[in-house]
Amino acid sequence: MAERLVENMRIWQEARVFTNDIYKMMSVCKDYGFRDQIQRASVSIMNNIAEGFESGSDAKFIYFLNIAKGSCSEVKSMLYLCEDFHYCTSDERISLVNKLLSLSSGIFNLIQYLKKQNNTN
């Protein structure tokens, strides 16, 4: 039987790749406050998935998944500022936003699945 690990979850794997993309893109940015915020928000996505996975209940997992989803929105908003401030190109922003939309959709689908399993709203 396969071991139940957060590392095996597609959404956690996508969040990890996405976080690495953000770190690479921001590596030369000298706006340290902005760089720190977008990096922390991207790390928050994968860490909240992991924390929820290990939380011990589906209700707590859903709670942490909602936080991760909120962090997706924060990073998406900041990516528009990245483009406005010329920290990334339009193509980079579009690519990263598309990855975020896929990730956020995966988180939403997992939330819906967990709710259905537990008959909760």
N, C-alpha and C. Protein backbone atom coordinates (compact mmCIF):
# COMPACT_ATOMS: atom_id res chain seq x y z
N MET A 1 0.85 -1.19 0.00
CA MET A 1 0.00 0.00 0.00
C MET A 1 0.89 1.25 0.00
N ALA A 2 0.51 2.23 -0.79
CA ALA A 2 1.28 3.47 -0.88
C ALA A 2 1.19 4.24 0.43
N GLU A 3 2.30 4.81 0.81
CA GLU A 3 2.34 5.61 2.03
C GLU A 3 1.60 6.93 1.81
N ARG A 4 0.88 7.36 2.81
CA ARG A 4 0.09 8.61 2.74
C ARG A 4 1.00 9.78 3.12
N LEU A 5 1.53 10.45 2.10
CA LEU A 5 2.46 11.57 2.31
C LEU A 5 1.98 12.78 1.54
N VAL A 6 2.15 13.94 2.15
CA VAL A 6 1.78 15.18 1.46
C VAL A 6 2.59 15.34 0.18
N GLU A 7 3.82 14.84 0.19
CA GLU A 7 4.68 14.95 -0.98
C GLU A 7 4.12 14.23 -2.21
N ASN A 8 3.18 13.30 -1.98
CA ASN A 8 2.55 12.58 -3.09
C ASN A 8 1.35 13.32 -3.67
N MET A 9 0.93 14.39 -3.02
CA MET A 9 -0.24 15.14 -3.49
C MET A 9 0.15 16.06 -4.64
N ARG A 10 -0.64 15.98 -5.73
CA ARG A 10 -0.37 16.81 -6.91
C ARG A 10 -0.38 18.30 -6.57
N ILE A 11 -1.34 18.75 -5.75
CA ILE A 11 -1.41 20.19 -5.46
C ILE A 11 -0.20 20.66 -4.65
N TRP A 12 0.30 19.82 -3.76
CA TRP A 12 1.50 20.19 -3.00
C TRP A 12 2.70 20.26 -3.94
N GLN A 13 2.81 19.29 -4.86
CA GLN A 13 3.90 19.28 -5.83
C GLN A 13 3.85 20.52 -6.72
N GLU A 14 2.65 20.89 -7.18
CA GLU A 14 2.48 22.09 -8.00
C GLU A 14 2.86 23.34 -7.20
N ALA A 15 2.47 23.38 -5.94
CA ALA A 15 2.80 24.54 -5.09
C ALA A 15 4.30 24.65 -4.90
N ARG A 16 4.97 23.54 -4.77
CA ARG A 16 6.44 23.54 -4.62
C ARG A 16 7.11 24.09 -5.88
N VAL A 17 6.70 23.60 -7.04
CA VAL A 17 7.25 24.10 -8.30
C VAL A 17 6.98 25.59 -8.45
N PHE A 18 5.74 25.99 -8.14
CA PHE A 18 5.37 27.39 -8.24
C PHE A 18 6.24 28.27 -7.32
N THR A 19 6.44 27.83 -6.10
CA THR A 19 7.27 28.59 -5.15
C THR A 19 8.69 28.75 -5.68
N ASN A 20 9.22 27.68 -6.26
CA ASN A 20 10.55 27.78 -6.85
C ASN A 20 10.57 28.77 -8.00
N ASP A 21 9.51 28.80 -8.80
CA ASP A 21 9.42 29.78 -9.90
C ASP A 21 9.44 31.21 -9.36
N ILE A 22 8.69 31.45 -8.29
CA ILE A 22 8.66 32.79 -7.70
C ILE A 22 10.04 33.17 -7.17
N TYR A 23 10.70 32.27 -6.46
CA TYR A 23 12.03 32.57 -5.93
C TYR A 23 13.02 32.87 -7.06
N LYS A 24 12.96 32.10 -8.15
CA LYS A 24 13.87 32.36 -9.28
C LYS A 24 13.60 33.73 -9.89
N MET A 25 12.31 34.02 -10.11
CA MET A 25 11.96 35.30 -10.74
C MET A 25 12.38 36.48 -9.87
N MET A 26 12.23 36.35 -8.56
CA MET A 26 12.49 37.48 -7.66
C MET A 26 13.94 37.54 -7.18
N SER A 27 14.79 36.62 -7.61
CA SER A 27 16.15 36.53 -7.08
C SER A 27 16.99 37.79 -7.29
N VAL A 28 16.70 38.55 -8.33
CA VAL A 28 17.49 39.76 -8.60
C VAL A 28 16.76 41.04 -8.18
N CYS A 29 15.55 40.89 -7.66
CA CYS A 29 14.76 42.06 -7.26
C CYS A 29 15.38 42.70 -6.01
N LYS A 30 15.60 44.00 -6.09
CA LYS A 30 16.20 44.74 -4.96
C LYS A 30 15.15 45.36 -4.04
N ASP A 31 13.89 45.24 -4.40
CA ASP A 31 12.80 45.72 -3.54
C ASP A 31 12.54 44.61 -2.52
N TYR A 32 13.33 44.63 -1.45
CA TYR A 32 13.36 43.51 -0.50
C TYR A 32 12.03 43.28 0.20
N GLY A 33 11.31 44.33 0.50
CA GLY A 33 10.02 44.18 1.15
C GLY A 33 9.02 43.49 0.24
N PHE A 34 8.96 43.92 -1.00
CA PHE A 34 8.07 43.31 -1.98
C PHE A 34 8.47 41.87 -2.23
N ARG A 35 9.76 41.65 -2.45
CA ARG A 35 10.27 40.30 -2.72
C ARG A 35 9.93 39.37 -1.56
N ASP A 36 10.14 39.83 -0.34
CA ASP A 36 9.86 39.02 0.83
C ASP A 36 8.37 38.66 0.91
N GLN A 37 7.51 39.62 0.63
CA GLN A 37 6.06 39.38 0.73
C GLN A 37 5.57 38.36 -0.28
N ILE A 38 5.99 38.49 -1.53
CA ILE A 38 5.51 37.55 -2.55
C ILE A 38 6.10 36.16 -2.32
N GLN A 39 7.33 36.11 -1.84
CA GLN A 39 7.93 34.81 -1.55
C GLN A 39 7.24 34.15 -0.35
N ARG A 40 6.96 34.92 0.69
CA ARG A 40 6.27 34.36 1.86
C ARG A 40 4.87 33.88 1.50
N ALA A 41 4.18 34.64 0.67
CA ALA A 41 2.82 34.24 0.27
C ALA A 41 2.85 32.95 -0.55
N SER A 42 3.85 32.81 -1.43
CA SER A 42 3.93 31.59 -2.23
C SER A 42 4.30 30.39 -1.35
N VAL A 43 5.19 30.59 -0.40
CA VAL A 43 5.54 29.52 0.55
C VAL A 43 4.31 29.14 1.38
N SER A 44 3.50 30.12 1.72
CA SER A 44 2.29 29.88 2.51
C SER A 44 1.35 28.90 1.81
N ILE A 45 1.31 28.93 0.50
CA ILE A 45 0.43 28.02 -0.24
C ILE A 45 0.83 26.57 0.06
N MET A 46 2.10 26.24 -0.19
CA MET A 46 2.51 24.85 -0.01
C MET A 46 2.54 24.45 1.47
N ASN A 47 2.91 25.38 2.34
CA ASN A 47 2.98 25.04 3.76
C ASN A 47 1.60 24.82 4.37
N ASN A 48 0.60 25.58 3.94
CA ASN A 48 -0.74 25.37 4.46
C ASN A 48 -1.36 24.07 3.94
N ILE A 49 -1.02 23.69 2.72
CA ILE A 49 -1.46 22.38 2.23
C ILE A 49 -0.85 21.30 3.11
N ALA A 50 0.45 21.41 3.39
CA ALA A 50 1.13 20.42 4.22
C ALA A 50 0.59 20.40 5.64
N GLU A 51 0.42 21.58 6.23
CA GLU A 51 -0.07 21.65 7.60
C GLU A 51 -1.47 21.07 7.72
N GLY A 52 -2.33 21.38 6.76
CA GLY A 52 -3.68 20.83 6.77
C GLY A 52 -3.69 19.33 6.59
N PHE A 53 -2.83 18.84 5.72
CA PHE A 53 -2.74 17.41 5.46
C PHE A 53 -2.44 16.64 6.74
N GLU A 54 -1.60 17.22 7.59
CA GLU A 54 -1.20 16.56 8.83
C GLU A 54 -2.03 16.97 10.04
N SER A 55 -3.08 17.74 9.82
CA SER A 55 -3.83 18.32 10.95
C SER A 55 -4.68 17.33 11.72
N GLY A 56 -5.00 16.20 11.14
CA GLY A 56 -5.73 15.19 11.89
C GLY A 56 -7.22 15.12 11.63
N SER A 57 -7.77 16.07 10.91
CA SER A 57 -9.20 15.99 10.58
C SER A 57 -9.45 16.70 9.25
N ASP A 58 -10.50 16.25 8.58
CA ASP A 58 -10.86 16.88 7.31
C ASP A 58 -11.27 18.33 7.51
N ALA A 59 -11.96 18.61 8.63
CA ALA A 59 -12.40 20.00 8.89
C ALA A 59 -11.19 20.92 9.02
N LYS A 60 -10.16 20.47 9.72
CA LYS A 60 -8.95 21.30 9.85
C LYS A 60 -8.23 21.38 8.51
N PHE A 61 -8.21 20.29 7.76
CA PHE A 61 -7.57 20.29 6.45
C PHE A 61 -8.25 21.33 5.55
N ILE A 62 -9.58 21.35 5.55
CA ILE A 62 -10.33 22.33 4.76
C ILE A 62 -9.98 23.75 5.19
N TYR A 63 -9.85 23.96 6.49
CA TYR A 63 -9.48 25.28 7.02
C TYR A 63 -8.14 25.73 6.42
N PHE A 64 -7.14 24.85 6.46
CA PHE A 64 -5.82 25.20 5.95
C PHE A 64 -5.82 25.33 4.42
N LEU A 65 -6.63 24.52 3.75
CA LEU A 65 -6.74 24.65 2.29
C LEU A 65 -7.34 26.00 1.91
N ASN A 66 -8.28 26.48 2.70
CA ASN A 66 -8.84 27.82 2.43
C ASN A 66 -7.80 28.91 2.62
N ILE A 67 -6.93 28.75 3.59
CA ILE A 67 -5.83 29.71 3.77
C ILE A 67 -4.90 29.65 2.56
N ALA A 68 -4.58 28.44 2.11
CA ALA A 68 -3.73 28.28 0.92
C ALA A 68 -4.36 28.95 -0.29
N LYS A 69 -5.66 28.79 -0.44
CA LYS A 69 -6.39 29.41 -1.55
C LYS A 69 -6.32 30.93 -1.45
N GLY A 70 -6.44 31.47 -0.24
CA GLY A 70 -6.29 32.90 -0.04
C GLY A 70 -4.90 33.39 -0.41
N SER A 71 -3.88 32.59 -0.09
CA SER A 71 -2.51 32.95 -0.46
C SER A 71 -2.33 32.95 -1.98
N CYS A 72 -3.04 32.05 -2.67
CA CYS A 72 -3.02 32.07 -4.14
C CYS A 72 -3.50 33.41 -4.66
N SER A 73 -4.58 33.90 -4.07
CA SER A 73 -5.13 35.20 -4.50
C SER A 73 -4.16 36.34 -4.20
N GLU A 74 -3.50 36.27 -3.05
CA GLU A 74 -2.52 37.30 -2.70
C GLU A 74 -1.38 37.32 -3.69
N VAL A 75 -0.84 36.15 -4.01
CA VAL A 75 0.27 36.09 -4.97
C VAL A 75 -0.19 36.58 -6.35
N LYS A 76 -1.39 36.18 -6.76
CA LYS A 76 -1.91 36.62 -8.06
C LYS A 76 -1.98 38.14 -8.11
N SER A 77 -2.48 38.76 -7.07
CA SER A 77 -2.56 40.21 -7.00
C SER A 77 -1.17 40.84 -7.09
N MET A 78 -0.23 40.25 -6.37
CA MET A 78 1.14 40.78 -6.37
C MET A 78 1.82 40.61 -7.72
N LEU A 79 1.44 39.58 -8.47
CA LEU A 79 2.04 39.39 -9.79
C LEU A 79 1.68 40.53 -10.74
N TYR A 80 0.48 41.08 -10.59
CA TYR A 80 0.13 42.26 -11.39
C TYR A 80 1.03 43.44 -11.02
N LEU A 81 1.32 43.59 -9.74
CA LEU A 81 2.25 44.65 -9.32
C LEU A 81 3.65 44.37 -9.83
N CYS A 82 4.04 43.10 -9.85
CA CYS A 82 5.35 42.75 -10.42
C CYS A 82 5.49 43.27 -11.83
N GLU A 83 4.44 43.06 -12.60
CA GLU A 83 4.47 43.55 -13.98
C GLU A 83 4.46 45.08 -14.01
N ASP A 84 3.60 45.69 -13.19
CA ASP A 84 3.54 47.16 -13.14
C ASP A 84 4.87 47.79 -12.77
N PHE A 85 5.59 47.15 -11.83
CA PHE A 85 6.87 47.68 -11.35
C PHE A 85 8.05 47.19 -12.19
N HIS A 86 7.76 46.43 -13.26
CA HIS A 86 8.79 45.90 -14.16
C HIS A 86 9.72 44.91 -13.48
N TYR A 87 9.17 44.15 -12.52
CA TYR A 87 9.93 43.07 -11.89
C TYR A 87 9.77 41.77 -12.69
N CYS A 88 8.78 41.74 -13.59
CA CYS A 88 8.58 40.61 -14.49
C CYS A 88 7.95 41.13 -15.77
N THR A 89 8.02 40.30 -16.79
CA THR A 89 7.38 40.65 -18.06
C THR A 89 5.91 40.23 -18.02
N SER A 90 5.17 40.71 -18.98
CA SER A 90 3.77 40.32 -19.11
C SER A 90 3.66 38.81 -19.32
N ASP A 91 4.54 38.25 -20.14
CA ASP A 91 4.52 36.81 -20.39
C ASP A 91 4.82 36.01 -19.12
N GLU A 92 5.76 36.48 -18.31
CA GLU A 92 6.05 35.80 -17.04
C GLU A 92 4.84 35.84 -16.12
N ARG A 93 4.21 37.02 -16.03
CA ARG A 93 3.02 37.14 -15.18
C ARG A 93 1.93 36.20 -15.65
N ILE A 94 1.66 36.19 -16.94
CA ILE A 94 0.60 35.34 -17.49
C ILE A 94 0.88 33.87 -17.19
N SER A 95 2.11 33.45 -17.40
CA SER A 95 2.48 32.06 -17.13
C SER A 95 2.28 31.69 -15.66
N LEU A 96 2.73 32.58 -14.77
CA LEU A 96 2.60 32.30 -13.34
C LEU A 96 1.15 32.37 -12.87
N VAL A 97 0.38 33.30 -13.41
CA VAL A 97 -1.04 33.38 -13.06
C VAL A 97 -1.76 32.12 -13.52
N ASN A 98 -1.42 31.62 -14.71
CA ASN A 98 -2.04 30.38 -15.18
C ASN A 98 -1.70 29.20 -14.26
N LYS A 99 -0.47 29.14 -13.79
CA LYS A 99 -0.09 28.09 -12.84
C LYS A 99 -0.89 28.24 -11.54
N LEU A 100 -1.04 29.48 -11.10
CA LEU A 100 -1.82 29.74 -9.87
C LEU A 100 -3.28 29.34 -10.03
N LEU A 101 -3.86 29.64 -11.19
CA LEU A 101 -5.25 29.28 -11.42
C LEU A 101 -5.44 27.77 -11.38
N SER A 102 -4.50 27.05 -11.95
CA SER A 102 -4.55 25.59 -11.90
C SER A 102 -4.42 25.09 -10.46
N LEU A 103 -3.50 25.68 -9.74
CA LEU A 103 -3.28 25.30 -8.34
C LEU A 103 -4.50 25.62 -7.49
N SER A 104 -5.03 26.82 -7.63
CA SER A 104 -6.20 27.23 -6.87
C SER A 104 -7.40 26.34 -7.19
N SER A 105 -7.55 25.98 -8.45
CA SER A 105 -8.63 25.09 -8.86
C SER A 105 -8.47 23.71 -8.22
N GLY A 106 -7.25 23.21 -8.18
CA GLY A 106 -6.98 21.93 -7.53
C GLY A 106 -7.30 21.97 -6.05
N ILE A 107 -6.96 23.07 -5.39
CA ILE A 107 -7.27 23.23 -3.96
C ILE A 107 -8.78 23.27 -3.77
N PHE A 108 -9.47 24.03 -4.61
CA PHE A 108 -10.93 24.11 -4.52
C PHE A 108 -11.56 22.74 -4.70
N ASN A 109 -11.10 21.99 -5.70
CA ASN A 109 -11.66 20.65 -5.94
C ASN A 109 -11.43 19.73 -4.75
N LEU A 110 -10.27 19.83 -4.11
CA LEU A 110 -10.02 19.01 -2.92
C LEU A 110 -10.94 19.42 -1.78
N ILE A 111 -11.14 20.71 -1.60
CA ILE A 111 -12.07 21.19 -0.56
C ILE A 111 -13.46 20.61 -0.82
N GLN A 112 -13.92 20.70 -2.06
CA GLN A 112 -15.25 20.18 -2.40
C GLN A 112 -15.35 18.68 -2.15
N TYR A 113 -14.31 17.95 -2.50
CA TYR A 113 -14.27 16.50 -2.27
C TYR A 113 -14.36 16.19 -0.77
N LEU A 114 -13.56 16.89 0.02
CA LEU A 114 -13.56 16.65 1.47
C LEU A 114 -14.92 17.00 2.08
N LYS A 115 -15.51 18.08 1.62
CA LYS A 115 -16.84 18.45 2.12
C LYS A 115 -17.88 17.39 1.77
N LYS A 116 -17.81 16.89 0.54
CA LYS A 116 -18.75 15.87 0.10
C LYS A 116 -18.58 14.59 0.92
N GLN A 117 -17.34 14.22 1.18
CA GLN A 117 -17.05 13.02 1.99
C GLN A 117 -17.64 13.14 3.39
N ASN A 118 -17.68 14.35 3.90
CA ASN A 118 -18.14 14.59 5.27
C ASN A 118 -19.52 15.21 5.33
N ASN A 119 -20.16 15.39 4.17
CA ASN A 119 -21.48 16.01 4.10
C ASN A 119 -21.55 17.33 4.85
N THR A 120 -20.52 18.20 4.62
CA THR A 120 -20.48 19.52 5.25
C THR A 120 -20.55 20.58 4.16
N ASN A 121 -20.89 21.79 4.58
CA ASN A 121 -20.93 22.90 3.64
C ASN A 121 -19.68 23.65 3.77
